[in-house]
Amino acid sequence: MNRLAPSRATRLVIGILVGAFFVIPMLSTFLYTLRDGDGFSLVHWAALADPEKASAYAPIWVGLGNSLVLAVVTVAIVLFLLAPTMILVHLRFPRLRPGFEFLVLLPISIPAIVLVVGLAPIYREIGRMLGTGAWTLAFAYGITVLPFAYRAIQASIDAVDIRTLSEAARSLGAGWGAVVVRVIAPNLRPGLLAASLISVAVVLGEFTIASLLNRQVFQTALVVVKNTDGYAAAVFTLLALAFAFVLLIVIGLAGRIRVGKAES
């Protein structure tokens, strides 16, 4: 078995290549934001606080606000619809898992443009009943994040014997609501946190669906601002990446703190 494991040098090379794949584009973008006529400066970063340019950056703040609302609604769909359904299938209907898994993973194989074509008639009806607010994109985003959130949650389900936990809780008189919320969910915390992070990242980075359905979100706003100020668009892109990175650290620390408390 040890012969199949990569050597330390191989792991180091792979780590450097993967790190460079992420670091080089971000570093290049950061250096681009520092470019000035006389060299490098923070003038483009300071311009974000310039009242005279507030109107030019207004679409960014509107789009960011819409994307954050969409992220909250999409995470709610994952946590309160997808996760309980997965638990139900695992505990009560295990024979349905292959078909359920196929349906959940299917959106990853469908291009966004094809997905929009299918969703367009549905969104016409949604617009008539619920309006054309950007938050309605959460229905489409909920479908988009299904494959990624499913894998994250399923990994935690496979790592924990939730069937034994649920039977033990039920034998002590707990109802199904208490079993899911107080027994199963804490044990699936890493998967639920990872699924939430992935959902937020997908929502903040999605452009095609919002653009074709004519909704203003963070990515479409970046395109609008880029037409007038390319430096500002690059700055906001870096800030969004930094936000996602900080969120990843917070979720990772939350998971470790929970595991540490459980072990103690």
C-alpha atoms as a PDB file:
ATOM      1  CA  MET A   1       0.000   0.000   0.000  1.00  0.00           C
ATOM      2  CA  ASN A   2       2.827   2.386   0.854  1.00  0.00           C
ATOM      3  CA  ARG A   3       4.360   1.846  -2.573  1.00  0.00           C
ATOM      4  CA  LEU A   4       1.267   3.374  -4.177  1.00  0.00           C
ATOM      5  CA  ALA A   5       1.460   6.520  -2.050  1.00  0.00           C
ATOM      6  CA  PRO A   6       3.176   9.499  -3.714  1.00  0.00           C
ATOM      7  CA  SER A   7       6.535  10.565  -2.355  1.00  0.00           C
ATOM      8  CA  ARG A   8       7.076  13.792  -0.441  1.00  0.00           C
ATOM      9  CA  ALA A   9       8.687  15.381  -3.497  1.00  0.00           C
ATOM     10  CA  THR A  10       5.709  14.451  -5.662  1.00  0.00           C
ATOM     11  CA  ARG A  11       3.280  15.912  -3.138  1.00  0.00           C
ATOM     12  CA  LEU A  12       5.376  19.063  -2.944  1.00  0.00           C
ATOM     13  CA  VAL A  13       5.400  19.491  -6.722  1.00  0.00           C
ATOM     14  CA  ILE A  14       1.664  18.921  -6.947  1.00  0.00           C
ATOM     15  CA  GLY A  15       1.058  21.390  -4.109  1.00  0.00           C
ATOM     16  CA  ILE A  16       3.196  24.039  -5.810  1.00  0.00           C
ATOM     17  CA  LEU A  17       1.457  23.562  -9.173  1.00  0.00           C
ATOM     18  CA  VAL A  18      -2.016  23.708  -7.639  1.00  0.00           C
ATOM     19  CA  GLY A  19      -1.064  26.718  -5.533  1.00  0.00           C
ATOM     20  CA  ALA A  20       0.372  28.498  -8.549  1.00  0.00           C
ATOM     21  CA  PHE A  21      -2.829  27.788 -10.487  1.00  0.00           C
ATOM     22  CA  PHE A  22      -4.758  29.837  -7.917  1.00  0.00           C
ATOM     23  CA  VAL A  23      -2.168  32.370  -6.791  1.00  0.00           C
ATOM     24  CA  ILE A  24      -0.806  33.580 -10.152  1.00  0.00           C
ATOM     25  CA  PRO A  25      -4.161  34.853 -11.567  1.00  0.00           C
ATOM     26  CA  MET A  26      -5.030  36.575  -8.275  1.00  0.00           C
ATOM     27  CA  LEU A  27      -1.576  38.112  -7.980  1.00  0.00           C
ATOM     28  CA  SER A  28      -1.760  39.339 -11.575  1.00  0.00           C
ATOM     29  CA  THR A  29      -5.171  40.870 -10.927  1.00  0.00           C
ATOM     30  CA  PHE A  30      -3.902  42.545  -7.763  1.00  0.00           C
ATOM     31  CA  LEU A  31      -0.891  44.025  -9.608  1.00  0.00           C
ATOM     32  CA  TYR A  32      -3.271  45.228 -12.313  1.00  0.00           C
ATOM     33  CA  THR A  33      -5.296  47.153  -9.721  1.00  0.00           C
ATOM     34  CA  LEU A  34      -2.097  48.844  -8.546  1.00  0.00           C
ATOM     35  CA  ARG A  35      -1.155  50.113 -12.000  1.00  0.00           C
ATOM     36  CA  ASP A  36      -1.011  53.861 -12.330  1.00  0.00           C
ATOM     37  CA  GLY A  37       0.363  56.264 -14.876  1.00  0.00           C
ATOM     38  CA  ASP A  38       3.522  56.762 -12.828  1.00  0.00           C
ATOM     39  CA  GLY A  39       3.941  53.205 -11.595  1.00  0.00           C
ATOM     40  CA  PHE A  40       2.084  51.454  -8.788  1.00  0.00           C
ATOM     41  CA  SER A  41      -0.223  53.002  -6.203  1.00  0.00           C
ATOM     42  CA  LEU A  42      -3.436  52.401  -4.267  1.00  0.00           C
ATOM     43  CA  VAL A  43      -5.339  55.098  -6.122  1.00  0.00           C
ATOM     44  CA  HIS A  44      -7.825  52.639  -7.622  1.00  0.00           C
ATOM     45  CA  TRP A  45      -8.522  51.105  -4.225  1.00  0.00           C
ATOM     46  CA  ALA A  46      -8.948  54.532  -2.649  1.00  0.00           C
ATOM     47  CA  ALA A  47     -11.395  55.465  -5.414  1.00  0.00           C
ATOM     48  CA  LEU A  48     -13.932  53.077  -3.884  1.00  0.00           C
ATOM     49  CA  ALA A  49     -14.467  55.643  -1.111  1.00  0.00           C
ATOM     50  CA  ASP A  50     -14.645  58.609  -3.507  1.00  0.00           C
ATOM     51  CA  PRO A  51     -18.134  60.211  -3.270  1.00  0.00           C
ATOM     52  CA  GLU A  52     -17.844  61.480  -6.846  1.00  0.00           C
ATOM     53  CA  LYS A  53     -17.681  57.914  -8.163  1.00  0.00           C
ATOM     54  CA  ALA A  54     -20.444  56.561  -5.948  1.00  0.00           C
ATOM     55  CA  SER A  55     -22.990  56.646  -8.772  1.00  0.00           C
ATOM     56  CA  ALA A  56     -20.647  54.704 -11.067  1.00  0.00           C
ATOM     57  CA  TYR A  57     -20.255  51.971  -8.442  1.00  0.00           C
ATOM     58  CA  ALA A  58     -23.942  51.871  -7.504  1.00  0.00           C
ATOM     59  CA  PRO A  59     -24.680  48.809  -9.690  1.00  0.00           C
ATOM     60  CA  ILE A  60     -22.023  46.885  -7.764  1.00  0.00           C
ATOM     61  CA  TRP A  61     -23.694  47.489  -4.415  1.00  0.00           C
ATOM     62  CA  VAL A  62     -27.143  46.687  -5.803  1.00  0.00           C
ATOM     63  CA  GLY A  63     -25.871  43.507  -7.443  1.00  0.00           C
ATOM     64  CA  LEU A  64     -23.933  42.503  -4.334  1.00  0.00           C
ATOM     65  CA  GLY A  65     -26.999  42.994  -2.164  1.00  0.00           C
ATOM     66  CA  ASN A  66     -29.068  40.860  -4.531  1.00  0.00           C
ATOM     67  CA  SER A  67     -26.400  38.158  -4.589  1.00  0.00           C
ATOM     68  CA  LEU A  68     -26.228  38.046  -0.788  1.00  0.00           C
ATOM     69  CA  VAL A  69     -30.012  37.667  -0.585  1.00  0.00           C
ATOM     70  CA  LEU A  70     -29.800  34.914  -3.205  1.00  0.00           C
ATOM     71  CA  ALA A  71     -27.025  33.221  -1.248  1.00  0.00           C
ATOM     72  CA  VAL A  72     -29.149  33.175   1.918  1.00  0.00           C
ATOM     73  CA  VAL A  73     -32.211  31.779   0.109  1.00  0.00           C
ATOM     74  CA  THR A  74     -30.126  29.199  -1.768  1.00  0.00           C
ATOM     75  CA  VAL A  75     -28.439  28.028   1.426  1.00  0.00           C
ATOM     76  CA  ALA A  76     -31.879  27.750   3.009  1.00  0.00           C
ATOM     77  CA  ILE A  77     -32.994  25.528   0.123  1.00  0.00           C
ATOM     78  CA  VAL A  78     -29.952  23.311   0.644  1.00  0.00           C
ATOM     79  CA  LEU A  79     -30.297  23.061   4.424  1.00  0.00           C
ATOM     80  CA  PHE A  80     -34.069  22.822   4.769  1.00  0.00           C
ATOM     81  CA  LEU A  81     -35.022  20.982   1.596  1.00  0.00           C
ATOM     82  CA  LEU A  82     -32.096  19.006   0.188  1.00  0.00           C
ATOM     83  CA  ALA A  83     -30.506  17.844   3.455  1.00  0.00           C
ATOM     84  CA  PRO A  84     -33.739  16.551   5.083  1.00  0.00           C
ATOM     85  CA  THR A  85     -34.661  14.799   1.829  1.00  0.00           C
ATOM     86  CA  MET A  86     -31.274  13.084   1.738  1.00  0.00           C
ATOM     87  CA  ILE A  87     -31.678  11.979   5.353  1.00  0.00           C
ATOM     88  CA  LEU A  88     -35.173  10.678   4.621  1.00  0.00           C
ATOM     89  CA  VAL A  89     -33.993   8.725   1.582  1.00  0.00           C
ATOM     90  CA  HIS A  90     -31.059   7.269   3.528  1.00  0.00           C
ATOM     91  CA  LEU A  91     -33.165   6.176   6.513  1.00  0.00           C
ATOM     92  CA  ARG A  92     -36.550   5.242   5.066  1.00  0.00           C
ATOM     93  CA  PHE A  93     -36.166   4.735   1.322  1.00  0.00           C
ATOM     94  CA  PRO A  94     -32.632   3.421   0.625  1.00  0.00           C
ATOM     95  CA  ARG A  95     -33.780   1.772  -2.612  1.00  0.00           C
ATOM     96  CA  LEU A  96     -34.562   5.218  -4.036  1.00  0.00           C
ATOM     97  CA  ARG A  97     -31.006   6.461  -3.528  1.00  0.00           C
ATOM     98  CA  PRO A  98     -29.639   5.557  -7.014  1.00  0.00           C
ATOM     99  CA  GLY A  99     -32.506   7.320  -8.794  1.00  0.00           C
ATOM    100  CA  PHE A 100     -32.418  10.261  -6.390  1.00  0.00           C
ATOM    101  CA  GLU A 101     -28.663  10.610  -6.823  1.00  0.00           C
ATOM    102  CA  PHE A 102     -29.036  10.554 -10.601  1.00  0.00           C
ATOM    103  CA  LEU A 103     -31.622  13.352 -10.530  1.00  0.00           C
ATOM    104  CA  VAL A 104     -29.604  15.477  -8.115  1.00  0.00           C
ATOM    105  CA  LEU A 105     -26.358  15.127 -10.084  1.00  0.00           C
ATOM    106  CA  LEU A 106     -28.044  15.683 -13.448  1.00  0.00           C
ATOM    107  CA  PRO A 107     -27.780  19.530 -13.435  1.00  0.00           C
ATOM    108  CA  ILE A 108     -23.976  19.337 -13.530  1.00  0.00           C
ATOM    109  CA  SER A 109     -24.169  17.809 -17.013  1.00  0.00           C
ATOM    110  CA  ILE A 110     -26.591  20.418 -18.367  1.00  0.00           C
ATOM    111  CA  PRO A 111     -25.031  23.630 -19.752  1.00  0.00           C
ATOM    112  CA  ALA A 112     -26.295  26.827 -18.155  1.00  0.00           C
ATOM    113  CA  ILE A 113     -27.631  28.112 -21.492  1.00  0.00           C
ATOM    114  CA  VAL A 114     -29.734  24.949 -21.911  1.00  0.00           C
ATOM    115  CA  LEU A 115     -30.940  25.224 -18.334  1.00  0.00           C
ATOM    116  CA  VAL A 116     -32.059  28.801 -18.942  1.00  0.00           C
ATOM    117  CA  VAL A 117     -33.981  27.799 -22.066  1.00  0.00           C
ATOM    118  CA  GLY A 118     -35.930  25.317 -19.986  1.00  0.00           C
ATOM    119  CA  LEU A 119     -36.420  27.737 -17.109  1.00  0.00           C
ATOM    120  CA  ALA A 120     -37.496  30.729 -19.208  1.00  0.00           C
ATOM    121  CA  PRO A 121     -41.184  29.689 -19.511  1.00  0.00           C
ATOM    122  CA  ILE A 122     -41.252  28.866 -15.802  1.00  0.00           C
ATOM    123  CA  TYR A 123     -39.813  32.259 -14.922  1.00  0.00           C
ATOM    124  CA  ARG A 124     -42.443  33.993 -17.010  1.00  0.00           C
ATOM    125  CA  GLU A 125     -45.054  32.477 -14.714  1.00  0.00           C
ATOM    126  CA  ILE A 126     -42.942  33.222 -11.643  1.00  0.00           C
ATOM    127  CA  GLY A 127     -42.712  36.832 -12.780  1.00  0.00           C
ATOM    128  CA  ARG A 128     -46.488  37.072 -12.999  1.00  0.00           C
ATOM    129  CA  MET A 129     -47.075  35.536  -9.583  1.00  0.00           C
ATOM    130  CA  LEU A 130     -44.064  36.639  -7.501  1.00  0.00           C
ATOM    131  CA  GLY A 131     -42.586  39.504  -9.504  1.00  0.00           C
ATOM    132  CA  THR A 132     -39.255  39.843 -11.254  1.00  0.00           C
ATOM    133  CA  GLY A 133     -37.085  40.468  -8.210  1.00  0.00           C
ATOM    134  CA  ALA A 134     -33.569  39.094  -8.279  1.00  0.00           C
ATOM    135  CA  TRP A 135     -34.359  36.830  -5.313  1.00  0.00           C
ATOM    136  CA  THR A 136     -36.459  34.611  -7.588  1.00  0.00           C
ATOM    137  CA  LEU A 137     -33.201  33.370  -9.131  1.00  0.00           C
ATOM    138  CA  ALA A 138     -32.803  31.271  -5.986  1.00  0.00           C
ATOM    139  CA  PHE A 139     -35.048  28.629  -7.567  1.00  0.00           C
ATOM    140  CA  ALA A 140     -32.626  28.280 -10.487  1.00  0.00           C
ATOM    141  CA  TYR A 141     -29.560  28.549  -8.260  1.00  0.00           C
ATOM    142  CA  GLY A 142     -30.997  25.882  -5.988  1.00  0.00           C
ATOM    143  CA  ILE A 143     -30.973  23.525  -8.965  1.00  0.00           C
ATOM    144  CA  THR A 144     -27.467  24.612  -9.992  1.00  0.00           C
ATOM    145  CA  VAL A 145     -25.890  23.914  -6.587  1.00  0.00           C
ATOM    146  CA  LEU A 146     -27.612  20.544  -6.095  1.00  0.00           C
ATOM    147  CA  PRO A 147     -24.735  18.349  -7.384  1.00  0.00           C
ATOM    148  CA  PHE A 148     -22.080  20.146  -5.331  1.00  0.00           C
ATOM    149  CA  ALA A 149     -24.117  20.381  -2.127  1.00  0.00           C
ATOM    150  CA  TYR A 150     -25.247  16.769  -2.485  1.00  0.00           C
ATOM    151  CA  ARG A 151     -21.689  15.434  -2.623  1.00  0.00           C
ATOM    152  CA  ALA A 152     -20.644  17.481   0.415  1.00  0.00           C
ATOM    153  CA  ILE A 153     -23.583  16.331   2.533  1.00  0.00           C
ATOM    154  CA  GLN A 154     -23.453  12.733   1.301  1.00  0.00           C
ATOM    155  CA  ALA A 155     -19.805  12.459   2.353  1.00  0.00           C
ATOM    156  CA  SER A 156     -20.826  13.279   5.935  1.00  0.00           C
ATOM    157  CA  ILE A 157     -23.790  10.893   5.791  1.00  0.00           C
ATOM    158  CA  ASP A 158     -21.507   8.064   4.646  1.00  0.00           C
ATOM    159  CA  ALA A 159     -19.039   8.851   7.447  1.00  0.00           C
ATOM    160  CA  VAL A 160     -21.670   8.715  10.222  1.00  0.00           C
ATOM    161  CA  ASP A 161     -24.003   5.851  11.091  1.00  0.00           C
ATOM    162  CA  ILE A 162     -27.086   8.042  11.221  1.00  0.00           C
ATOM    163  CA  ARG A 163     -29.362   5.002  11.144  1.00  0.00           C
ATOM    164  CA  THR A 164     -28.071   3.805  14.524  1.00  0.00           C
ATOM    165  CA  LEU A 165     -28.190   7.338  15.919  1.00  0.00           C
ATOM    166  CA  SER A 166     -31.769   7.845  14.793  1.00  0.00           C
ATOM    167  CA  GLU A 167     -32.913   4.469  16.154  1.00  0.00           C
ATOM    168  CA  ALA A 168     -31.261   5.216  19.502  1.00  0.00           C
ATOM    169  CA  ALA A 169     -32.910   8.624  19.703  1.00  0.00           C
ATOM    170  CA  ARG A 170     -36.295   7.199  18.703  1.00  0.00           C
ATOM    171  CA  SER A 171     -35.992   4.481  21.359  1.00  0.00           C
ATOM    172  CA  LEU A 172     -35.556   7.237  23.943  1.00  0.00           C
ATOM    173  CA  GLY A 173     -38.789   8.886  22.836  1.00  0.00           C
ATOM    174  CA  ALA A 174     -37.487  11.618  20.512  1.00  0.00           C
ATOM    175  CA  GLY A 175     -39.689  12.671  17.608  1.00  0.00           C
ATOM    176  CA  TRP A 176     -38.437  12.766  14.044  1.00  0.00           C
ATOM    177  CA  GLY A 177     -38.006  16.549  14.184  1.00  0.00           C
ATOM    178  CA  ALA A 178     -35.812  16.285  17.272  1.00  0.00           C
ATOM    179  CA  VAL A 179     -33.887  13.391  15.731  1.00  0.00           C
ATOM    180  CA  VAL A 180     -33.027  15.391  12.617  1.00  0.00           C
ATOM    181  CA  VAL A 181     -32.301  18.728  14.334  1.00  0.00           C
ATOM    182  CA  ARG A 182     -30.671  17.629  17.593  1.00  0.00           C
ATOM    183  CA  VAL A 183     -29.060  14.286  16.715  1.00  0.00           C
ATOM    184  CA  ILE A 184     -28.352  13.939  12.992  1.00  0.00           C
ATOM    185  CA  ALA A 185     -27.685  17.563  11.961  1.00  0.00           C
ATOM    186  CA  PRO A 186     -24.858  18.128  14.529  1.00  0.00           C
ATOM    187  CA  ASN A 187     -23.107  14.999  13.253  1.00  0.00           C
ATOM    188  CA  LEU A 188     -23.452  16.197   9.660  1.00  0.00           C
ATOM    189  CA  ARG A 189     -22.131  19.645  10.536  1.00  0.00           C
ATOM    190  CA  PRO A 190     -18.959  19.463   8.337  1.00  0.00           C
ATOM    191  CA  GLY A 191     -20.978  18.448   5.281  1.00  0.00           C
ATOM    192  CA  LEU A 192     -23.682  21.032   5.902  1.00  0.00           C
ATOM    193  CA  LEU A 193     -21.092  23.781   6.348  1.00  0.00           C
ATOM    194  CA  ALA A 194     -19.247  22.717   3.206  1.00  0.00           C
ATOM    195  CA  ALA A 195     -22.501  22.617   1.231  1.00  0.00           C
ATOM    196  CA  SER A 196     -23.354  26.117   2.480  1.00  0.00           C
ATOM    197  CA  LEU A 197     -19.946  27.456   1.470  1.00  0.00           C
ATOM    198  CA  ILE A 198     -20.194  25.897  -1.981  1.00  0.00           C
ATOM    199  CA  SER A 199     -23.680  27.356  -2.422  1.00  0.00           C
ATOM    200  CA  VAL A 200     -22.482  30.839  -1.509  1.00  0.00           C
ATOM    201  CA  ALA A 201     -19.493  30.537  -3.861  1.00  0.00           C
ATOM    202  CA  VAL A 202     -21.689  29.368  -6.755  1.00  0.00           C
ATOM    203  CA  VAL A 203     -24.193  32.175  -6.213  1.00  0.00           C
ATOM    204  CA  LEU A 204     -21.514  34.876  -6.031  1.00  0.00           C
ATOM    205  CA  GLY A 205     -19.793  33.569  -9.160  1.00  0.00           C
ATOM    206  CA  GLU A 206     -22.809  32.784 -11.365  1.00  0.00           C
ATOM    207  CA  PHE A 207     -23.293  35.005 -14.430  1.00  0.00           C
ATOM    208  CA  THR A 208     -24.983  33.128 -17.289  1.00  0.00           C
ATOM    209  CA  ILE A 209     -28.366  32.430 -15.722  1.00  0.00           C
ATOM    210  CA  ALA A 210     -28.710  35.921 -14.243  1.00  0.00           C
ATOM    211  CA  SER A 211     -27.677  37.575 -17.491  1.00  0.00           C
ATOM    212  CA  LEU A 212     -30.009  35.578 -19.722  1.00  0.00           C
ATOM    213  CA  LEU A 213     -32.927  35.980 -17.320  1.00  0.00           C
ATOM    214  CA  ASN A 214     -32.185  39.711 -17.092  1.00  0.00           C
ATOM    215  CA  ARG A 215     -31.560  39.887 -13.342  1.00  0.00           C
ATOM    216  CA  GLN A 216     -28.984  42.134 -11.716  1.00  0.00           C
ATOM    217  CA  VAL A 217     -26.534  40.271  -9.498  1.00  0.00           C
ATOM    218  CA  PHE A 218     -22.920  40.769  -8.507  1.00  0.00           C
ATOM    219  CA  GLN A 219     -21.373  39.265 -11.643  1.00  0.00           C
ATOM    220  CA  THR A 220     -23.647  41.125 -14.078  1.00  0.00           C
ATOM    221  CA  ALA A 221     -22.942  44.342 -12.175  1.00  0.00           C
ATOM    222  CA  LEU A 222     -19.214  43.748 -12.567  1.00  0.00           C
ATOM    223  CA  VAL A 223     -19.666  43.648 -16.336  1.00  0.00           C
ATOM    224  CA  VAL A 224     -21.574  46.935 -16.247  1.00  0.00           C
ATOM    225  CA  VAL A 225     -18.903  48.644 -14.133  1.00  0.00           C
ATOM    226  CA  LYS A 226     -16.103  47.134 -16.200  1.00  0.00           C
ATOM    227  CA  ASN A 227     -17.332  49.011 -19.249  1.00  0.00           C
ATOM    228  CA  THR A 228     -16.613  52.297 -17.463  1.00  0.00           C
ATOM    229  CA  ASP A 229     -13.847  51.368 -14.987  1.00  0.00           C
ATOM    230  CA  GLY A 230     -11.958  48.119 -15.453  1.00  0.00           C
ATOM    231  CA  TYR A 231      -9.835  48.725 -12.371  1.00  0.00           C
ATOM    232  CA  ALA A 232     -12.894  48.925 -10.105  1.00  0.00           C
ATOM    233  CA  ALA A 233     -14.229  45.645 -11.467  1.00  0.00           C
ATOM    234  CA  ALA A 234     -10.887  43.970 -10.711  1.00  0.00           C
ATOM    235  CA  VAL A 235     -10.852  45.411  -7.187  1.00  0.00           C
ATOM    236  CA  PHE A 236     -14.351  44.161  -6.434  1.00  0.00           C
ATOM    237  CA  THR A 237     -13.448  40.752  -7.849  1.00  0.00           C
ATOM    238  CA  LEU A 238     -10.529  40.473  -5.442  1.00  0.00           C
ATOM    239  CA  LEU A 239     -12.719  41.577  -2.545  1.00  0.00           C
ATOM    240  CA  ALA A 240     -15.266  38.895  -3.440  1.00  0.00           C
ATOM    241  CA  LEU A 241     -12.512  36.253  -3.528  1.00  0.00           C
ATOM    242  CA  ALA A 242     -11.213  37.485  -0.171  1.00  0.00           C
ATOM    243  CA  PHE A 243     -14.732  37.248   1.263  1.00  0.00           C
ATOM    244  CA  ALA A 244     -15.073  33.655   0.064  1.00  0.00           C
ATOM    245  CA  PHE A 245     -11.624  32.804   1.473  1.00  0.00           C
ATOM    246  CA  VAL A 246     -12.463  34.294   4.889  1.00  0.00           C
ATOM    247  CA  LEU A 247     -15.798  32.465   4.852  1.00  0.00           C
ATOM    248  CA  LEU A 248     -13.941  29.209   4.124  1.00  0.00           C
ATOM    249  CA  ILE A 249     -11.634  29.792   7.103  1.00  0.00           C
ATOM    250  CA  VAL A 250     -14.561  30.625   9.400  1.00  0.00           C
ATOM    251  CA  ILE A 251     -16.468  27.504   8.372  1.00  0.00           C
ATOM    252  CA  GLY A 252     -13.353  25.359   8.778  1.00  0.00           C
ATOM    253  CA  LEU A 253     -12.708  26.763  12.267  1.00  0.00           C
ATOM    254  CA  ALA A 254     -16.360  26.282  13.206  1.00  0.00           C
ATOM    255  CA  GLY A 255     -16.169  22.643  12.183  1.00  0.00           C
ATOM    256  CA  ARG A 256     -12.944  22.071  14.135  1.00  0.00           C
ATOM    257  CA  ILE A 257     -14.306  23.791  17.246  1.00  0.00           C
ATOM    258  CA  ARG A 258     -17.382  21.581  17.119  1.00  0.00           C
ATOM    259  CA  VAL A 259     -15.282  18.446  16.701  1.00  0.00           C
ATOM    260  CA  GLY A 260     -13.041  19.527  19.573  1.00  0.00           C
ATOM    261  CA  LYS A 261     -16.020  20.029  21.877  1.00  0.00           C
ATOM    262  CA  ALA A 262     -17.434  16.641  20.904  1.00  0.00           C
ATOM    263  CA  GLU A 263     -14.137  14.885  21.672  1.00  0.00           C
ATOM    264  CA  SER A 264     -13.764  16.635  25.009  1.00  0.00           C
END
